[in-house]
């Protein structure tokens, strides 16, 4: 087997099994963790709408660097270059990608109507591997997290440790 086929197999298997991928677009200071599905040889994403993940810097025709982590240990497995394609609502490719994404979307506020909302207000992107993989870095490349309103800065309730560590009485 050639090196290219091995790299292609690694990219596909690692991305398919990972719940998150780290995507760095040109001109964006830090990579962003994004949920995705692997469909038809590419990672498919939905975002940029109300209640969905932001997709800064990911534009149709551009390229991005995708880093995939191990699902069990969390370590970096592979970094690959992707060509970005925005899928148009109503096309066969969009329908197939959205059918896969719909099954993986957790806690959607509008349930079954989310596909119509995605068609109106969101972008569905396809990140297709170009075949180029980057060598693994020597260091950890740790960076500060991207600011988000989803963080909590409040102290934990005083009774929580007792509730978590409480032993059950045997009957």
C-alpha atoms as a PDB file:
ATOM      1  CA  UNK A   1       0.000   0.000   0.000  1.00  0.00           C
ATOM      2  CA  UNK A   2       1.277   3.438  -0.805  1.00  0.00           C
ATOM      3  CA  UNK A   3       1.763   6.186   1.758  1.00  0.00           C
ATOM      4  CA  UNK A   4      -1.087   8.234   0.218  1.00  0.00           C
ATOM      5  CA  UNK A   5      -3.589   5.395   0.672  1.00  0.00           C
ATOM      6  CA  UNK A   6      -2.484   4.888   4.281  1.00  0.00           C
ATOM      7  CA  UNK A   7      -2.876   8.618   4.993  1.00  0.00           C
ATOM      8  CA  UNK A   8      -6.319   8.622   3.371  1.00  0.00           C
ATOM      9  CA  UNK A   9      -7.409   5.645   5.483  1.00  0.00           C
ATOM     10  CA  UNK A  10      -6.061   7.284   8.665  1.00  0.00           C
ATOM     11  CA  UNK A  11      -7.873  10.561   7.926  1.00  0.00           C
ATOM     12  CA  UNK A  12     -11.159   8.793   7.211  1.00  0.00           C
ATOM     13  CA  UNK A  13     -11.133   6.423  10.193  1.00  0.00           C
ATOM     14  CA  UNK A  14      -9.905   8.984  12.711  1.00  0.00           C
ATOM     15  CA  UNK A  15     -12.380  11.649  11.593  1.00  0.00           C
ATOM     16  CA  UNK A  16     -15.264   9.196  11.399  1.00  0.00           C
ATOM     17  CA  UNK A  17     -14.717   8.004  14.969  1.00  0.00           C
ATOM     18  CA  UNK A  18     -14.000  11.369  16.587  1.00  0.00           C
ATOM     19  CA  UNK A  19     -16.879  13.421  17.965  1.00  0.00           C
ATOM     20  CA  UNK A  20     -15.053  16.740  17.527  1.00  0.00           C
ATOM     21  CA  UNK A  21     -12.571  18.074  15.040  1.00  0.00           C
ATOM     22  CA  UNK A  22     -10.418  21.174  15.502  1.00  0.00           C
ATOM     23  CA  UNK A  23     -10.659  23.416  12.452  1.00  0.00           C
ATOM     24  CA  UNK A  24      -8.306  26.330  11.761  1.00  0.00           C
ATOM     25  CA  UNK A  25      -9.231  28.629   8.886  1.00  0.00           C
ATOM     26  CA  UNK A  26      -6.887  31.127   7.303  1.00  0.00           C
ATOM     27  CA  UNK A  27      -7.015  34.484   9.076  1.00  0.00           C
ATOM     28  CA  UNK A  28      -8.590  33.103  12.271  1.00  0.00           C
ATOM     29  CA  UNK A  29      -6.232  33.244  15.282  1.00  0.00           C
ATOM     30  CA  UNK A  30      -7.165  29.900  16.858  1.00  0.00           C
ATOM     31  CA  UNK A  31      -8.596  26.550  15.838  1.00  0.00           C
ATOM     32  CA  UNK A  32     -12.179  25.914  16.895  1.00  0.00           C
ATOM     33  CA  UNK A  33     -13.671  22.620  18.092  1.00  0.00           C
ATOM     34  CA  UNK A  34     -16.627  21.684  15.884  1.00  0.00           C
ATOM     35  CA  UNK A  35     -19.004  18.723  15.891  1.00  0.00           C
ATOM     36  CA  UNK A  36     -19.391  17.009  12.551  1.00  0.00           C
ATOM     37  CA  UNK A  37     -20.384  13.850  10.711  1.00  0.00           C
ATOM     38  CA  UNK A  38     -18.304  11.956   8.200  1.00  0.00           C
ATOM     39  CA  UNK A  39     -20.331  11.499   5.034  1.00  0.00           C
ATOM     40  CA  UNK A  40     -19.322  10.440   1.548  1.00  0.00           C
ATOM     41  CA  UNK A  41     -15.599  11.040   2.018  1.00  0.00           C
ATOM     42  CA  UNK A  42     -15.753  14.384   3.832  1.00  0.00           C
ATOM     43  CA  UNK A  43     -16.515  15.987   7.192  1.00  0.00           C
ATOM     44  CA  UNK A  44     -19.866  17.802   7.089  1.00  0.00           C
ATOM     45  CA  UNK A  45     -20.669  20.715   9.434  1.00  0.00           C
ATOM     46  CA  UNK A  46     -23.675  22.902  10.113  1.00  0.00           C
ATOM     47  CA  UNK A  47     -23.468  26.312  11.767  1.00  0.00           C
ATOM     48  CA  UNK A  48     -23.541  30.105  11.621  1.00  0.00           C
ATOM     49  CA  UNK A  49     -27.201  30.281  12.551  1.00  0.00           C
ATOM     50  CA  UNK A  50     -29.079  30.961  15.792  1.00  0.00           C
ATOM     51  CA  UNK A  51     -28.343  28.198  18.300  1.00  0.00           C
ATOM     52  CA  UNK A  52     -25.710  26.557  16.097  1.00  0.00           C
ATOM     53  CA  UNK A  53     -21.917  26.477  16.243  1.00  0.00           C
ATOM     54  CA  UNK A  54     -20.042  29.441  14.761  1.00  0.00           C
ATOM     55  CA  UNK A  55     -17.958  28.770  11.652  1.00  0.00           C
ATOM     56  CA  UNK A  56     -15.605  31.795  11.527  1.00  0.00           C
ATOM     57  CA  UNK A  57     -13.371  32.039   8.482  1.00  0.00           C
ATOM     58  CA  UNK A  58     -14.768  28.937   6.799  1.00  0.00           C
ATOM     59  CA  UNK A  59     -15.779  30.123   3.342  1.00  0.00           C
ATOM     60  CA  UNK A  60     -16.693  28.346   0.138  1.00  0.00           C
ATOM     61  CA  UNK A  61     -13.621  27.560  -1.948  1.00  0.00           C
ATOM     62  CA  UNK A  62     -11.127  28.224   0.853  1.00  0.00           C
ATOM     63  CA  UNK A  63      -8.990  25.687   2.668  1.00  0.00           C
ATOM     64  CA  UNK A  64      -8.667  24.820   6.331  1.00  0.00           C
ATOM     65  CA  UNK A  65      -6.459  22.722   8.564  1.00  0.00           C
ATOM     66  CA  UNK A  66      -8.334  19.975  10.435  1.00  0.00           C
ATOM     67  CA  UNK A  67      -6.883  18.275  13.502  1.00  0.00           C
ATOM     68  CA  UNK A  68      -8.443  15.051  14.733  1.00  0.00           C
ATOM     69  CA  UNK A  69      -8.023  13.790  18.261  1.00  0.00           C
ATOM     70  CA  UNK A  70      -8.295  10.290  19.671  1.00  0.00           C
ATOM     71  CA  UNK A  71     -11.722   9.595  21.122  1.00  0.00           C
ATOM     72  CA  UNK A  72     -10.410   7.522  24.032  1.00  0.00           C
ATOM     73  CA  UNK A  73      -7.177   9.316  25.030  1.00  0.00           C
ATOM     74  CA  UNK A  74      -7.798  12.784  23.577  1.00  0.00           C
ATOM     75  CA  UNK A  75      -4.376  12.994  21.917  1.00  0.00           C
ATOM     76  CA  UNK A  76      -3.765  14.334  18.428  1.00  0.00           C
ATOM     77  CA  UNK A  77      -3.978  11.610  15.755  1.00  0.00           C
ATOM     78  CA  UNK A  78      -3.698  13.425  12.453  1.00  0.00           C
ATOM     79  CA  UNK A  79      -3.831  16.898  10.943  1.00  0.00           C
ATOM     80  CA  UNK A  80      -5.076  17.193   7.381  1.00  0.00           C
ATOM     81  CA  UNK A  81      -5.825  19.929   4.883  1.00  0.00           C
ATOM     82  CA  UNK A  82      -9.412  20.359   3.706  1.00  0.00           C
ATOM     83  CA  UNK A  83     -11.052  22.076   0.763  1.00  0.00           C
ATOM     84  CA  UNK A  84     -14.273  23.808   1.890  1.00  0.00           C
ATOM     85  CA  UNK A  85     -17.468  23.605  -0.130  1.00  0.00           C
ATOM     86  CA  UNK A  86     -20.739  25.209   0.941  1.00  0.00           C
ATOM     87  CA  UNK A  87     -23.728  23.037   0.047  1.00  0.00           C
ATOM     88  CA  UNK A  88     -26.789  24.775  -1.364  1.00  0.00           C
ATOM     89  CA  UNK A  89     -30.142  23.952   0.296  1.00  0.00           C
ATOM     90  CA  UNK A  90     -32.368  21.670  -1.736  1.00  0.00           C
ATOM     91  CA  UNK A  91     -29.570  19.979  -3.668  1.00  0.00           C
ATOM     92  CA  UNK A  92     -29.024  16.240  -3.479  1.00  0.00           C
ATOM     93  CA  UNK A  93     -25.677  16.706  -1.684  1.00  0.00           C
ATOM     94  CA  UNK A  94     -27.274  19.070   0.882  1.00  0.00           C
ATOM     95  CA  UNK A  95     -30.167  16.671   1.559  1.00  0.00           C
ATOM     96  CA  UNK A  96     -27.794  13.718   2.076  1.00  0.00           C
ATOM     97  CA  UNK A  97     -25.474  15.690   4.387  1.00  0.00           C
ATOM     98  CA  UNK A  98     -28.370  17.130   6.412  1.00  0.00           C
ATOM     99  CA  UNK A  99     -29.901  13.663   6.847  1.00  0.00           C
ATOM    100  CA  UNK A 100     -26.647  12.552   8.503  1.00  0.00           C
ATOM    101  CA  UNK A 101     -26.224  15.757  10.538  1.00  0.00           C
ATOM    102  CA  UNK A 102     -29.815  15.615  11.798  1.00  0.00           C
ATOM    103  CA  UNK A 103     -29.177  12.252  13.453  1.00  0.00           C
ATOM    104  CA  UNK A 104     -26.144  13.591  15.338  1.00  0.00           C
ATOM    105  CA  UNK A 105     -27.516  16.991  16.430  1.00  0.00           C
ATOM    106  CA  UNK A 106     -28.111  16.948  20.180  1.00  0.00           C
ATOM    107  CA  UNK A 107     -30.644  19.118  22.021  1.00  0.00           C
ATOM    108  CA  UNK A 108     -32.060  20.889  18.990  1.00  0.00           C
ATOM    109  CA  UNK A 109     -34.520  23.575  20.145  1.00  0.00           C
ATOM    110  CA  UNK A 110     -36.948  22.934  17.295  1.00  0.00           C
ATOM    111  CA  UNK A 111     -36.793  19.137  16.891  1.00  0.00           C
ATOM    112  CA  UNK A 112     -37.994  17.958  13.496  1.00  0.00           C
ATOM    113  CA  UNK A 113     -38.212  21.515  12.104  1.00  0.00           C
ATOM    114  CA  UNK A 114     -34.453  22.029  12.403  1.00  0.00           C
ATOM    115  CA  UNK A 115     -33.766  21.072   8.772  1.00  0.00           C
ATOM    116  CA  UNK A 116     -36.027  23.873   7.543  1.00  0.00           C
ATOM    117  CA  UNK A 117     -34.253  26.286   9.914  1.00  0.00           C
ATOM    118  CA  UNK A 118     -30.884  25.088   8.634  1.00  0.00           C
ATOM    119  CA  UNK A 119     -32.033  25.739   5.060  1.00  0.00           C
ATOM    120  CA  UNK A 120     -33.187  29.283   5.938  1.00  0.00           C
ATOM    121  CA  UNK A 121     -30.624  30.497   8.472  1.00  0.00           C
ATOM    122  CA  UNK A 122     -27.532  28.269   8.547  1.00  0.00           C
ATOM    123  CA  UNK A 123     -24.688  27.093   6.369  1.00  0.00           C
ATOM    124  CA  UNK A 124     -23.868  23.449   5.696  1.00  0.00           C
ATOM    125  CA  UNK A 125     -20.215  22.942   4.816  1.00  0.00           C
ATOM    126  CA  UNK A 126     -18.330  19.991   3.414  1.00  0.00           C
ATOM    127  CA  UNK A 127     -14.636  19.696   4.356  1.00  0.00           C
ATOM    128  CA  UNK A 128     -13.068  17.358   1.838  1.00  0.00           C
ATOM    129  CA  UNK A 129      -9.513  16.070   2.416  1.00  0.00           C
ATOM    130  CA  UNK A 130      -7.024  17.210  -0.212  1.00  0.00           C
ATOM    131  CA  UNK A 131      -4.686  14.313   0.543  1.00  0.00           C
ATOM    132  CA  UNK A 132      -2.091  16.374   2.415  1.00  0.00           C
ATOM    133  CA  UNK A 133      -1.391  15.482   6.035  1.00  0.00           C
ATOM    134  CA  UNK A 134       0.887  17.429   8.349  1.00  0.00           C
ATOM    135  CA  UNK A 135       3.563  15.822  10.511  1.00  0.00           C
ATOM    136  CA  UNK A 136       2.775  15.623  14.211  1.00  0.00           C
ATOM    137  CA  UNK A 137       4.295  18.541  16.173  1.00  0.00           C
ATOM    138  CA  UNK A 138       6.955  18.120  18.834  1.00  0.00           C
ATOM    139  CA  UNK A 139       5.202  20.289  21.448  1.00  0.00           C
ATOM    140  CA  UNK A 140       1.665  20.382  22.764  1.00  0.00           C
ATOM    141  CA  UNK A 141       0.680  23.655  20.999  1.00  0.00           C
ATOM    142  CA  UNK A 142      -1.688  24.505  23.865  1.00  0.00           C
ATOM    143  CA  UNK A 143      -3.604  27.755  23.412  1.00  0.00           C
ATOM    144  CA  UNK A 144      -6.123  29.707  25.450  1.00  0.00           C
ATOM    145  CA  UNK A 145      -9.736  28.757  24.707  1.00  0.00           C
ATOM    146  CA  UNK A 146     -11.759  31.000  22.417  1.00  0.00           C
ATOM    147  CA  UNK A 147     -13.965  33.375  24.489  1.00  0.00           C
ATOM    148  CA  UNK A 148     -17.528  32.081  24.719  1.00  0.00           C
ATOM    149  CA  UNK A 149     -20.700  33.019  26.587  1.00  0.00           C
ATOM    150  CA  UNK A 150     -21.074  29.308  27.401  1.00  0.00           C
ATOM    151  CA  UNK A 151     -18.494  29.383  30.216  1.00  0.00           C
ATOM    152  CA  UNK A 152     -19.508  29.407  33.860  1.00  0.00           C
ATOM    153  CA  UNK A 153     -17.570  31.481  36.386  1.00  0.00           C
ATOM    154  CA  UNK A 154     -19.817  30.963  39.413  1.00  0.00           C
ATOM    155  CA  UNK A 155     -18.655  28.923  42.435  1.00  0.00           C
ATOM    156  CA  UNK A 156     -20.137  25.476  42.873  1.00  0.00           C
ATOM    157  CA  UNK A 157     -22.962  25.116  45.439  1.00  0.00           C
ATOM    158  CA  UNK A 158     -21.708  24.303  48.947  1.00  0.00           C
ATOM    159  CA  UNK A 159     -23.706  21.062  49.218  1.00  0.00           C
ATOM    160  CA  UNK A 160     -22.607  19.601  45.876  1.00  0.00           C
ATOM    161  CA  UNK A 161     -19.475  17.764  47.113  1.00  0.00           C
ATOM    162  CA  UNK A 162     -21.537  16.034  49.825  1.00  0.00           C
ATOM    163  CA  UNK A 163     -24.119  14.942  47.276  1.00  0.00           C
ATOM    164  CA  UNK A 164     -21.501  13.601  44.912  1.00  0.00           C
ATOM    165  CA  UNK A 165     -19.481  11.788  47.558  1.00  0.00           C
ATOM    166  CA  UNK A 166     -22.433  10.515  49.582  1.00  0.00           C
ATOM    167  CA  UNK A 167     -22.309   6.790  50.168  1.00  0.00           C
ATOM    168  CA  UNK A 168     -25.412   4.720  49.847  1.00  0.00           C
ATOM    169  CA  UNK A 169     -26.561   2.963  52.977  1.00  0.00           C
ATOM    170  CA  UNK A 170     -26.967  -0.769  52.581  1.00  0.00           C
ATOM    171  CA  UNK A 171     -30.325  -2.141  53.514  1.00  0.00           C
END
